């Protein structure tokens, strides 16, 4: 079976003048090599395709693949993560990971939380600020937490994200609206422990592969899982396997969220406890980073005794079974 690899290469965007933060969600060549090596070890042949425009060029030249391993993040628009799946659907080419609907929905954190809330899964109360005048409509008790509605890798999460009064709310929303040119998700601040949970499989076949707790060291600039903290996790963060007593409730929220949103094959669900110790859904990442060493899903899998190749195998097994 020949597997095509679609991806956005970080170095290409940096060469075009994008900043490190703007290119944060794109993949290093080490990630592509890691995925290739794992697929080869599992007996698959691979071909590098690259980004969405390269995919279109290769399809037009007559290229075909049995399956596409898609980790493209895209650059522009609320549906940027869904661009490659949409192209592949158009040409009836099967692919790994979630479909157009899921990737468009889950990039918008506000829309995702509306679905999660409708499913009866705990999630912090929230308000989506579209313009600065919307701040007056926010009717939530302080403290609050604010982040761009459609970013990943901790982008837009910083010291201004934790909000204690109206002036800080105005300052935080103004900063994020101006910098990211998109709405801001404002939600009740969850003061408890934070976890990320790895999930593989689709529908009734979905299962948790493990979880890790995000623990901030004393030298951390802020106790939020920010872009800076994620980029320098070895300096600021400890990743720990939680005690068994709390895993059941954390796993339950993650699995119900994954299945309820229709996610496929593999990814992560981020969870944080409220002041009463109840796990709350934060967000889902259906295109989780797959750097063999530094990405959260491989890290938490490793902490739970699952190798990188085993993770890729579980993802591929899910996709092949789903397609066949």
C-alpha atoms as a PDB file:
ATOM      1  CA  UNK A   1       0.000   0.000   0.000  1.00  0.00           C
ATOM      2  CA  UNK A   2       1.377   3.420  -0.991  1.00  0.00           C
ATOM      3  CA  UNK A   3       0.821   6.240   1.506  1.00  0.00           C
ATOM      4  CA  UNK A   4       1.028   9.868   0.401  1.00  0.00           C
ATOM      5  CA  UNK A   5       2.160  12.382   3.021  1.00  0.00           C
ATOM      6  CA  UNK A   6       0.569  15.837   3.059  1.00  0.00           C
ATOM      7  CA  UNK A   7       2.109  18.410   5.388  1.00  0.00           C
ATOM      8  CA  UNK A   8       3.085  22.059   5.780  1.00  0.00           C
ATOM      9  CA  UNK A   9       6.850  22.296   6.225  1.00  0.00           C
ATOM     10  CA  UNK A  10       7.825  24.934   8.776  1.00  0.00           C
ATOM     11  CA  UNK A  11      11.143  25.784   7.117  1.00  0.00           C
ATOM     12  CA  UNK A  12       9.388  26.722   3.874  1.00  0.00           C
ATOM     13  CA  UNK A  13       7.197  29.294   5.657  1.00  0.00           C
ATOM     14  CA  UNK A  14      10.114  30.683   7.675  1.00  0.00           C
ATOM     15  CA  UNK A  15      12.012  31.169   4.404  1.00  0.00           C
ATOM     16  CA  UNK A  16       9.056  33.182   3.090  1.00  0.00           C
ATOM     17  CA  UNK A  17       9.342  35.581   6.054  1.00  0.00           C
ATOM     18  CA  UNK A  18       6.788  34.163   8.473  1.00  0.00           C
ATOM     19  CA  UNK A  19       7.690  34.495  12.155  1.00  0.00           C
ATOM     20  CA  UNK A  20       8.334  31.481  14.398  1.00  0.00           C
ATOM     21  CA  UNK A  21       4.961  32.016  16.068  1.00  0.00           C
ATOM     22  CA  UNK A  22       3.121  32.329  12.737  1.00  0.00           C
ATOM     23  CA  UNK A  23       4.698  29.047  11.614  1.00  0.00           C
ATOM     24  CA  UNK A  24       4.354  27.338  14.991  1.00  0.00           C
ATOM     25  CA  UNK A  25       1.729  24.806  13.909  1.00  0.00           C
ATOM     26  CA  UNK A  26       3.672  23.633  10.861  1.00  0.00           C
ATOM     27  CA  UNK A  27       5.924  20.591  10.916  1.00  0.00           C
ATOM     28  CA  UNK A  28       9.679  20.225  10.962  1.00  0.00           C
ATOM     29  CA  UNK A  29      11.423  17.860   8.578  1.00  0.00           C
ATOM     30  CA  UNK A  30      12.145  15.660  11.618  1.00  0.00           C
ATOM     31  CA  UNK A  31       8.404  15.037  11.981  1.00  0.00           C
ATOM     32  CA  UNK A  32       8.054  14.011   8.335  1.00  0.00           C
ATOM     33  CA  UNK A  33      11.067  11.695   8.595  1.00  0.00           C
ATOM     34  CA  UNK A  34       9.703  10.218  11.827  1.00  0.00           C
ATOM     35  CA  UNK A  35       6.323   9.434  10.266  1.00  0.00           C
ATOM     36  CA  UNK A  36       7.991   8.013   7.141  1.00  0.00           C
ATOM     37  CA  UNK A  37      10.293   5.768   9.163  1.00  0.00           C
ATOM     38  CA  UNK A  38       7.387   4.476  11.269  1.00  0.00           C
ATOM     39  CA  UNK A  39       5.290   3.747   8.174  1.00  0.00           C
ATOM     40  CA  UNK A  40       8.206   1.973   6.503  1.00  0.00           C
ATOM     41  CA  UNK A  41       8.717  -0.131   9.633  1.00  0.00           C
ATOM     42  CA  UNK A  42       5.026  -1.082   9.423  1.00  0.00           C
ATOM     43  CA  UNK A  43       5.455  -2.226   5.811  1.00  0.00           C
ATOM     44  CA  UNK A  44       4.008   0.760   3.938  1.00  0.00           C
ATOM     45  CA  UNK A  45       5.551   2.574   0.989  1.00  0.00           C
ATOM     46  CA  UNK A  46       5.465   6.374   1.181  1.00  0.00           C
ATOM     47  CA  UNK A  47       5.599   9.395  -1.104  1.00  0.00           C
ATOM     48  CA  UNK A  48       5.994  12.974   0.049  1.00  0.00           C
ATOM     49  CA  UNK A  49       3.288  15.243  -1.336  1.00  0.00           C
ATOM     50  CA  UNK A  50       3.655  18.447   0.698  1.00  0.00           C
ATOM     51  CA  UNK A  51       1.087  21.222   1.119  1.00  0.00           C
ATOM     52  CA  UNK A  52      -2.369  21.654  -0.423  1.00  0.00           C
ATOM     53  CA  UNK A  53      -1.187  23.362  -3.618  1.00  0.00           C
ATOM     54  CA  UNK A  54       1.396  20.643  -4.168  1.00  0.00           C
ATOM     55  CA  UNK A  55      -1.348  18.048  -3.684  1.00  0.00           C
ATOM     56  CA  UNK A  56      -3.430  19.689  -6.420  1.00  0.00           C
ATOM     57  CA  UNK A  57      -0.427  19.750  -8.782  1.00  0.00           C
ATOM     58  CA  UNK A  58       0.338  16.075  -8.196  1.00  0.00           C
ATOM     59  CA  UNK A  59      -3.299  15.015  -8.671  1.00  0.00           C
ATOM     60  CA  UNK A  60      -3.442  16.993 -11.927  1.00  0.00           C
ATOM     61  CA  UNK A  61      -0.281  15.237 -13.096  1.00  0.00           C
ATOM     62  CA  UNK A  62      -1.968  11.860 -12.611  1.00  0.00           C
ATOM     63  CA  UNK A  63      -0.475  10.845  -9.250  1.00  0.00           C
ATOM     64  CA  UNK A  64      -2.478   8.389  -7.128  1.00  0.00           C
ATOM     65  CA  UNK A  65      -2.103   6.907  -3.643  1.00  0.00           C
ATOM     66  CA  UNK A  66      -3.919   4.156  -1.762  1.00  0.00           C
ATOM     67  CA  UNK A  67      -4.224   6.415   1.268  1.00  0.00           C
ATOM     68  CA  UNK A  68      -3.048   9.892   2.277  1.00  0.00           C
ATOM     69  CA  UNK A  69      -1.574  10.534   5.725  1.00  0.00           C
ATOM     70  CA  UNK A  70      -2.691  14.128   6.184  1.00  0.00           C
ATOM     71  CA  UNK A  71      -1.188  16.478   8.775  1.00  0.00           C
ATOM     72  CA  UNK A  72      -1.665  19.756   6.848  1.00  0.00           C
ATOM     73  CA  UNK A  73      -2.634  22.696   9.054  1.00  0.00           C
ATOM     74  CA  UNK A  74      -3.273  25.224   6.280  1.00  0.00           C
ATOM     75  CA  UNK A  75      -2.589  28.938   6.455  1.00  0.00           C
ATOM     76  CA  UNK A  76      -5.739  30.980   5.851  1.00  0.00           C
ATOM     77  CA  UNK A  77      -9.394  30.851   6.870  1.00  0.00           C
ATOM     78  CA  UNK A  78     -11.435  29.147   9.563  1.00  0.00           C
ATOM     79  CA  UNK A  79     -11.487  25.991   7.436  1.00  0.00           C
ATOM     80  CA  UNK A  80      -7.744  25.906   6.829  1.00  0.00           C
ATOM     81  CA  UNK A  81      -7.260  22.481   8.419  1.00  0.00           C
ATOM     82  CA  UNK A  82     -10.032  21.084   6.225  1.00  0.00           C
ATOM     83  CA  UNK A  83      -8.602  22.226   2.886  1.00  0.00           C
ATOM     84  CA  UNK A  84      -6.631  19.048   2.117  1.00  0.00           C
ATOM     85  CA  UNK A  85      -9.474  16.700   3.177  1.00  0.00           C
ATOM     86  CA  UNK A  86     -11.851  18.691   0.949  1.00  0.00           C
ATOM     87  CA  UNK A  87      -9.517  18.244  -2.043  1.00  0.00           C
ATOM     88  CA  UNK A  88      -9.129  14.534  -1.295  1.00  0.00           C
ATOM     89  CA  UNK A  89     -12.900  14.103  -0.954  1.00  0.00           C
ATOM     90  CA  UNK A  90     -13.368  15.775  -4.325  1.00  0.00           C
ATOM     91  CA  UNK A  91     -11.157  13.141  -5.968  1.00  0.00           C
ATOM     92  CA  UNK A  92     -12.434  10.282  -3.779  1.00  0.00           C
ATOM     93  CA  UNK A  93      -8.990   9.654  -2.277  1.00  0.00           C
ATOM     94  CA  UNK A  94      -9.126   8.161   1.240  1.00  0.00           C
ATOM     95  CA  UNK A  95      -7.120   9.785   4.030  1.00  0.00           C
ATOM     96  CA  UNK A  96      -6.070   9.371   7.635  1.00  0.00           C
ATOM     97  CA  UNK A  97      -7.575  11.523  10.411  1.00  0.00           C
ATOM     98  CA  UNK A  98     -10.757  13.553  10.621  1.00  0.00           C
ATOM     99  CA  UNK A  99     -12.958  14.818   7.815  1.00  0.00           C
ATOM    100  CA  UNK A 100     -13.897  18.268   6.548  1.00  0.00           C
ATOM    101  CA  UNK A 101     -16.750  18.815   8.995  1.00  0.00           C
ATOM    102  CA  UNK A 102     -14.759  17.859  12.090  1.00  0.00           C
ATOM    103  CA  UNK A 103     -11.665  19.853  11.151  1.00  0.00           C
ATOM    104  CA  UNK A 104     -13.709  22.967  10.364  1.00  0.00           C
ATOM    105  CA  UNK A 105     -15.774  22.673  13.543  1.00  0.00           C
ATOM    106  CA  UNK A 106     -12.979  21.928  15.986  1.00  0.00           C
ATOM    107  CA  UNK A 107     -10.722  24.749  14.802  1.00  0.00           C
ATOM    108  CA  UNK A 108     -13.402  27.137  16.111  1.00  0.00           C
ATOM    109  CA  UNK A 109     -13.204  26.660  19.881  1.00  0.00           C
ATOM    110  CA  UNK A 110     -16.502  28.439  20.535  1.00  0.00           C
ATOM    111  CA  UNK A 111     -18.508  26.315  18.105  1.00  0.00           C
ATOM    112  CA  UNK A 112     -16.845  23.188  19.471  1.00  0.00           C
ATOM    113  CA  UNK A 113     -17.806  24.076  23.041  1.00  0.00           C
ATOM    114  CA  UNK A 114     -21.418  24.628  21.959  1.00  0.00           C
ATOM    115  CA  UNK A 115     -21.532  21.045  20.667  1.00  0.00           C
ATOM    116  CA  UNK A 116     -19.761  19.738  23.773  1.00  0.00           C
ATOM    117  CA  UNK A 117     -22.233  21.583  25.997  1.00  0.00           C
ATOM    118  CA  UNK A 118     -25.140  20.142  24.013  1.00  0.00           C
ATOM    119  CA  UNK A 119     -23.678  16.663  24.556  1.00  0.00           C
ATOM    120  CA  UNK A 120     -23.833  17.258  28.306  1.00  0.00           C
ATOM    121  CA  UNK A 121     -20.046  17.139  28.729  1.00  0.00           C
ATOM    122  CA  UNK A 122     -18.640  19.564  31.358  1.00  0.00           C
ATOM    123  CA  UNK A 123     -16.995  22.645  29.859  1.00  0.00           C
ATOM    124  CA  UNK A 124     -16.428  26.127  31.256  1.00  0.00           C
ATOM    125  CA  UNK A 125     -19.101  28.774  30.619  1.00  0.00           C
ATOM    126  CA  UNK A 126     -17.991  31.025  27.784  1.00  0.00           C
ATOM    127  CA  UNK A 127     -18.665  33.959  25.488  1.00  0.00           C
ATOM    128  CA  UNK A 128     -17.243  34.631  22.021  1.00  0.00           C
ATOM    129  CA  UNK A 129     -16.104  38.258  21.632  1.00  0.00           C
ATOM    130  CA  UNK A 130     -16.343  39.249  17.962  1.00  0.00           C
ATOM    131  CA  UNK A 131     -15.558  42.966  18.399  1.00  0.00           C
ATOM    132  CA  UNK A 132     -14.323  45.025  21.327  1.00  0.00           C
ATOM    133  CA  UNK A 133     -17.861  46.349  21.900  1.00  0.00           C
ATOM    134  CA  UNK A 134     -18.904  42.760  22.723  1.00  0.00           C
ATOM    135  CA  UNK A 135     -16.880  42.927  25.938  1.00  0.00           C
ATOM    136  CA  UNK A 136     -19.789  44.747  27.583  1.00  0.00           C
ATOM    137  CA  UNK A 137     -21.986  41.702  26.906  1.00  0.00           C
ATOM    138  CA  UNK A 138     -19.706  39.270  28.762  1.00  0.00           C
ATOM    139  CA  UNK A 139     -21.726  38.224  31.797  1.00  0.00           C
ATOM    140  CA  UNK A 140     -19.357  35.777  33.482  1.00  0.00           C
ATOM    141  CA  UNK A 141     -17.814  35.970  36.955  1.00  0.00           C
ATOM    142  CA  UNK A 142     -14.121  36.765  37.302  1.00  0.00           C
ATOM    143  CA  UNK A 143     -11.541  35.322  37.009  1.00  0.00           C
ATOM    144  CA  UNK A 144     -11.801  34.634  33.287  1.00  0.00           C
ATOM    145  CA  UNK A 145      -9.541  33.173  30.610  1.00  0.00           C
ATOM    146  CA  UNK A 146      -9.183  34.471  27.037  1.00  0.00           C
ATOM    147  CA  UNK A 147      -7.606  33.056  23.884  1.00  0.00           C
ATOM    148  CA  UNK A 148      -8.045  33.385  20.102  1.00  0.00           C
ATOM    149  CA  UNK A 149     -10.953  31.291  18.915  1.00  0.00           C
ATOM    150  CA  UNK A 150      -9.081  29.473  16.139  1.00  0.00           C
ATOM    151  CA  UNK A 151      -5.399  29.038  16.992  1.00  0.00           C
ATOM    152  CA  UNK A 152      -3.328  26.097  18.184  1.00  0.00           C
ATOM    153  CA  UNK A 153       0.057  25.385  19.779  1.00  0.00           C
ATOM    154  CA  UNK A 154      -0.737  27.852  22.558  1.00  0.00           C
ATOM    155  CA  UNK A 155      -0.707  30.830  20.180  1.00  0.00           C
ATOM    156  CA  UNK A 156      -2.348  33.877  21.754  1.00  0.00           C
ATOM    157  CA  UNK A 157      -2.214  32.394  25.250  1.00  0.00           C
ATOM    158  CA  UNK A 158      -0.030  34.565  27.474  1.00  0.00           C
ATOM    159  CA  UNK A 159       0.057  36.533  30.735  1.00  0.00           C
ATOM    160  CA  UNK A 160      -2.905  38.607  29.522  1.00  0.00           C
ATOM    161  CA  UNK A 161      -5.067  35.487  29.178  1.00  0.00           C
ATOM    162  CA  UNK A 162      -5.888  35.243  32.900  1.00  0.00           C
ATOM    163  CA  UNK A 163      -8.313  38.073  33.627  1.00  0.00           C
ATOM    164  CA  UNK A 164      -9.357  39.415  37.044  1.00  0.00           C
ATOM    165  CA  UNK A 165     -11.367  42.556  36.264  1.00  0.00           C
ATOM    166  CA  UNK A 166     -13.113  44.510  33.519  1.00  0.00           C
ATOM    167  CA  UNK A 167     -10.062  46.578  32.574  1.00  0.00           C
ATOM    168  CA  UNK A 168      -7.970  43.439  32.101  1.00  0.00           C
ATOM    169  CA  UNK A 169     -10.766  41.924  30.017  1.00  0.00           C
ATOM    170  CA  UNK A 170     -10.756  44.938  27.695  1.00  0.00           C
ATOM    171  CA  UNK A 171      -6.943  44.891  27.464  1.00  0.00           C
ATOM    172  CA  UNK A 172      -6.763  41.153  26.751  1.00  0.00           C
ATOM    173  CA  UNK A 173      -9.505  41.130  24.124  1.00  0.00           C
ATOM    174  CA  UNK A 174      -8.090  44.231  22.429  1.00  0.00           C
ATOM    175  CA  UNK A 175      -4.638  42.654  22.191  1.00  0.00           C
ATOM    176  CA  UNK A 176      -5.919  39.371  20.754  1.00  0.00           C
ATOM    177  CA  UNK A 177      -8.431  40.918  18.352  1.00  0.00           C
ATOM    178  CA  UNK A 178      -5.762  43.191  16.901  1.00  0.00           C
ATOM    179  CA  UNK A 179      -2.988  40.604  16.695  1.00  0.00           C
ATOM    180  CA  UNK A 180      -4.882  37.581  15.414  1.00  0.00           C
ATOM    181  CA  UNK A 181      -7.719  39.229  13.447  1.00  0.00           C
ATOM    182  CA  UNK A 182     -10.283  36.734  14.751  1.00  0.00           C
ATOM    183  CA  UNK A 183     -12.803  36.451  17.606  1.00  0.00           C
ATOM    184  CA  UNK A 184     -11.687  35.807  21.182  1.00  0.00           C
ATOM    185  CA  UNK A 185     -13.032  32.991  23.344  1.00  0.00           C
ATOM    186  CA  UNK A 186     -13.633  34.222  26.894  1.00  0.00           C
ATOM    187  CA  UNK A 187     -14.467  31.539  29.448  1.00  0.00           C
ATOM    188  CA  UNK A 188     -14.686  30.999  33.173  1.00  0.00           C
ATOM    189  CA  UNK A 189     -11.192  30.326  34.481  1.00  0.00           C
ATOM    190  CA  UNK A 190     -10.630  26.713  35.500  1.00  0.00           C
ATOM    191  CA  UNK A 191      -8.280  26.758  38.481  1.00  0.00           C
ATOM    192  CA  UNK A 192      -7.593  23.018  38.778  1.00  0.00           C
ATOM    193  CA  UNK A 193      -5.116  20.550  37.315  1.00  0.00           C
ATOM    194  CA  UNK A 194      -4.541  20.312  33.550  1.00  0.00           C
ATOM    195  CA  UNK A 195      -4.263  17.154  31.452  1.00  0.00           C
ATOM    196  CA  UNK A 196      -3.956  16.124  27.849  1.00  0.00           C
ATOM    197  CA  UNK A 197      -5.364  12.751  26.787  1.00  0.00           C
ATOM    198  CA  UNK A 198      -4.376  10.707  23.753  1.00  0.00           C
ATOM    199  CA  UNK A 199      -7.143   8.934  21.844  1.00  0.00           C
ATOM    200  CA  UNK A 200      -6.918   6.538  18.899  1.00  0.00           C
ATOM    201  CA  UNK A 201      -9.681   4.978  16.844  1.00  0.00           C
ATOM    202  CA  UNK A 202     -13.033   6.041  15.489  1.00  0.00           C
ATOM    203  CA  UNK A 203     -16.545   5.815  16.914  1.00  0.00           C
ATOM    204  CA  UNK A 204     -17.155   2.742  19.058  1.00  0.00           C
ATOM    205  CA  UNK A 205     -13.592   1.575  18.346  1.00  0.00           C
ATOM    206  CA  UNK A 206     -12.050   4.679  19.919  1.00  0.00           C
ATOM    207  CA  UNK A 207      -9.917   4.175  23.010  1.00  0.00           C
ATOM    208  CA  UNK A 208      -7.642   6.167  25.270  1.00  0.00           C
ATOM    209  CA  UNK A 209      -3.917   5.420  24.984  1.00  0.00           C
ATOM    210  CA  UNK A 210      -2.947   7.445  28.021  1.00  0.00           C
ATOM    211  CA  UNK A 211      -2.882  10.838  29.671  1.00  0.00           C
ATOM    212  CA  UNK A 212      -0.328  13.183  31.144  1.00  0.00           C
ATOM    213  CA  UNK A 213      -0.643  16.055  33.548  1.00  0.00           C
ATOM    214  CA  UNK A 214       0.851  19.434  32.631  1.00  0.00           C
ATOM    215  CA  UNK A 215       2.691  20.664  35.743  1.00  0.00           C
ATOM    216  CA  UNK A 216       4.258  24.123  35.715  1.00  0.00           C
ATOM    217  CA  UNK A 217       7.637  24.560  37.392  1.00  0.00           C
ATOM    218  CA  UNK A 218       8.320  27.406  39.815  1.00  0.00           C
ATOM    219  CA  UNK A 219      10.433  29.254  37.219  1.00  0.00           C
ATOM    220  CA  UNK A 220       7.551  29.289  34.710  1.00  0.00           C
ATOM    221  CA  UNK A 221       6.630  32.798  33.577  1.00  0.00           C
ATOM    222  CA  UNK A 222       2.889  32.073  33.879  1.00  0.00           C
ATOM    223  CA  UNK A 223       0.832  29.046  34.886  1.00  0.00           C
ATOM    224  CA  UNK A 224      -0.868  28.762  31.507  1.00  0.00           C
ATOM    225  CA  UNK A 225      -0.045  26.343  28.695  1.00  0.00           C
ATOM    226  CA  UNK A 226       1.141  29.153  26.442  1.00  0.00           C
ATOM    227  CA  UNK A 227       3.022  29.183  23.151  1.00  0.00           C
ATOM    228  CA  UNK A 228       6.228  30.090  25.012  1.00  0.00           C
ATOM    229  CA  UNK A 229       5.794  27.388  27.655  1.00  0.00           C
ATOM    230  CA  UNK A 230       5.031  24.744  25.025  1.00  0.00           C
ATOM    231  CA  UNK A 231       8.003  25.758  22.873  1.00  0.00           C
ATOM    232  CA  UNK A 232      10.309  25.559  25.909  1.00  0.00           C
ATOM    233  CA  UNK A 233       8.624  22.716  27.766  1.00  0.00           C
ATOM    234  CA  UNK A 234      11.898  21.120  28.864  1.00  0.00           C
ATOM    235  CA  UNK A 235      12.675  24.300  30.826  1.00  0.00           C
ATOM    236  CA  UNK A 236       9.238  25.182  32.194  1.00  0.00           C
ATOM    237  CA  UNK A 237       7.015  22.080  32.239  1.00  0.00           C
ATOM    238  CA  UNK A 238       6.956  18.661  33.860  1.00  0.00           C
ATOM    239  CA  UNK A 239       4.794  16.011  32.186  1.00  0.00           C
ATOM    240  CA  UNK A 240       3.574  13.439  34.707  1.00  0.00           C
ATOM    241  CA  UNK A 241       1.332  10.384  34.575  1.00  0.00           C
ATOM    242  CA  UNK A 242      -1.686  11.140  36.834  1.00  0.00           C
ATOM    243  CA  UNK A 243      -2.707   8.878  39.687  1.00  0.00           C
ATOM    244  CA  UNK A 244      -5.156   6.108  38.792  1.00  0.00           C
ATOM    245  CA  UNK A 245      -7.922   7.485  41.037  1.00  0.00           C
ATOM    246  CA  UNK A 246      -8.600  10.446  38.753  1.00  0.00           C
ATOM    247  CA  UNK A 247      -7.857   8.865  35.387  1.00  0.00           C
ATOM    248  CA  UNK A 248     -11.298   7.293  35.000  1.00  0.00           C
ATOM    249  CA  UNK A 249     -13.127  10.635  35.080  1.00  0.00           C
ATOM    250  CA  UNK A 250     -10.519  12.321  32.852  1.00  0.00           C
ATOM    251  CA  UNK A 251     -10.671   9.468  30.336  1.00  0.00           C
ATOM    252  CA  UNK A 252     -14.469   9.587  30.352  1.00  0.00           C
ATOM    253  CA  UNK A 253     -14.574  13.265  29.358  1.00  0.00           C
ATOM    254  CA  UNK A 254     -11.935  12.745  26.668  1.00  0.00           C
ATOM    255  CA  UNK A 255     -13.562   9.707  25.080  1.00  0.00           C
ATOM    256  CA  UNK A 256     -17.099  11.143  25.138  1.00  0.00           C
ATOM    257  CA  UNK A 257     -15.784  14.351  23.552  1.00  0.00           C
ATOM    258  CA  UNK A 258     -13.827  12.505  20.858  1.00  0.00           C
ATOM    259  CA  UNK A 259     -16.743  10.287  19.874  1.00  0.00           C
ATOM    260  CA  UNK A 260     -19.372  13.026  20.210  1.00  0.00           C
ATOM    261  CA  UNK A 261     -17.473  15.369  17.886  1.00  0.00           C
ATOM    262  CA  UNK A 262     -16.920  12.616  15.311  1.00  0.00           C
ATOM    263  CA  UNK A 263     -13.113  12.656  15.432  1.00  0.00           C
ATOM    264  CA  UNK A 264     -11.250   9.867  13.663  1.00  0.00           C
ATOM    265  CA  UNK A 265      -8.110   7.722  13.929  1.00  0.00           C
ATOM    266  CA  UNK A 266      -6.022   9.634  16.466  1.00  0.00           C
ATOM    267  CA  UNK A 267      -5.482  12.884  18.330  1.00  0.00           C
ATOM    268  CA  UNK A 268      -5.694  14.592  21.718  1.00  0.00           C
ATOM    269  CA  UNK A 269      -8.273  16.057  24.061  1.00  0.00           C
ATOM    270  CA  UNK A 270      -7.213  18.770  26.530  1.00  0.00           C
ATOM    271  CA  UNK A 271      -8.914  18.812  29.916  1.00  0.00           C
ATOM    272  CA  UNK A 272      -8.702  21.013  33.005  1.00  0.00           C
ATOM    273  CA  UNK A 273     -10.367  20.585  36.374  1.00  0.00           C
ATOM    274  CA  UNK A 274     -12.527  23.264  37.940  1.00  0.00           C
ATOM    275  CA  UNK A 275     -12.205  24.350  41.580  1.00  0.00           C
ATOM    276  CA  UNK A 276     -14.265  21.310  42.635  1.00  0.00           C
ATOM    277  CA  UNK A 277     -11.997  18.839  40.871  1.00  0.00           C
ATOM    278  CA  UNK A 278     -14.447  18.107  38.043  1.00  0.00           C
ATOM    279  CA  UNK A 279     -12.692  17.526  34.681  1.00  0.00           C
ATOM    280  CA  UNK A 280     -13.824  20.015  32.022  1.00  0.00           C
ATOM    281  CA  UNK A 281     -13.314  19.833  28.268  1.00  0.00           C
ATOM    282  CA  UNK A 282     -10.975  22.576  27.039  1.00  0.00           C
ATOM    283  CA  UNK A 283     -10.427  21.691  23.389  1.00  0.00           C
ATOM    284  CA  UNK A 284      -9.714  18.817  21.016  1.00  0.00           C
ATOM    285  CA  UNK A 285      -6.825  18.452  18.591  1.00  0.00           C
ATOM    286  CA  UNK A 286      -7.819  16.052  15.791  1.00  0.00           C
ATOM    287  CA  UNK A 287      -4.544  16.858  13.967  1.00  0.00           C
ATOM    288  CA  UNK A 288      -2.201  16.394  16.901  1.00  0.00           C
ATOM    289  CA  UNK A 289       1.506  17.051  16.502  1.00  0.00           C
ATOM    290  CA  UNK A 290       3.501  13.927  15.664  1.00  0.00           C
ATOM    291  CA  UNK A 291       7.124  14.921  16.212  1.00  0.00           C
ATOM    292  CA  UNK A 292       8.622  11.680  17.588  1.00  0.00           C
ATOM    293  CA  UNK A 293      10.236  13.392  20.592  1.00  0.00           C
ATOM    294  CA  UNK A 294       8.625  16.769  21.315  1.00  0.00           C
ATOM    295  CA  UNK A 295       4.902  16.481  20.471  1.00  0.00           C
ATOM    296  CA  UNK A 296       2.369  15.892  23.243  1.00  0.00           C
ATOM    297  CA  UNK A 297       0.774  12.741  21.810  1.00  0.00           C
ATOM    298  CA  UNK A 298       4.082  10.857  21.427  1.00  0.00           C
ATOM    299  CA  UNK A 299       5.243  12.154  24.830  1.00  0.00           C
ATOM    300  CA  UNK A 300       2.143  10.981  26.706  1.00  0.00           C
ATOM    301  CA  UNK A 301       2.182   7.679  24.822  1.00  0.00           C
ATOM    302  CA  UNK A 302       5.819   7.156  25.770  1.00  0.00           C
ATOM    303  CA  UNK A 303       5.047   7.911  29.423  1.00  0.00           C
ATOM    304  CA  UNK A 304       2.364   5.220  29.240  1.00  0.00           C
ATOM    305  CA  UNK A 305       4.644   2.589  27.698  1.00  0.00           C
ATOM    306  CA  UNK A 306       3.572   2.993  24.056  1.00  0.00           C
ATOM    307  CA  UNK A 307       6.250   3.569  21.413  1.00  0.00           C
ATOM    308  CA  UNK A 308       6.033   6.024  18.538  1.00  0.00           C
ATOM    309  CA  UNK A 309       5.735   3.237  15.976  1.00  0.00           C
ATOM    310  CA  UNK A 310       2.910   1.678  18.017  1.00  0.00           C
ATOM    311  CA  UNK A 311       1.025   4.990  17.990  1.00  0.00           C
ATOM    312  CA  UNK A 312       1.374   5.308  14.215  1.00  0.00           C
ATOM    313  CA  UNK A 313       0.264   1.673  13.855  1.00  0.00           C
ATOM    314  CA  UNK A 314      -2.896   2.267  15.910  1.00  0.00           C
ATOM    315  CA  UNK A 315      -3.696   5.356  13.832  1.00  0.00           C
ATOM    316  CA  UNK A 316      -3.144   3.473  10.563  1.00  0.00           C
ATOM    317  CA  UNK A 317      -5.107   0.421  11.749  1.00  0.00           C
ATOM    318  CA  UNK A 318      -8.051   2.688  12.539  1.00  0.00           C
ATOM    319  CA  UNK A 319      -7.912   4.405   9.134  1.00  0.00           C
ATOM    320  CA  UNK A 320      -7.537   1.184   7.135  1.00  0.00           C
ATOM    321  CA  UNK A 321     -10.393  -0.496   9.014  1.00  0.00           C
ATOM    322  CA  UNK A 322     -12.619   2.566   8.590  1.00  0.00           C
ATOM    323  CA  UNK A 323     -11.949   2.829   4.871  1.00  0.00           C
ATOM    324  CA  UNK A 324     -12.355  -0.885   4.154  1.00  0.00           C
END
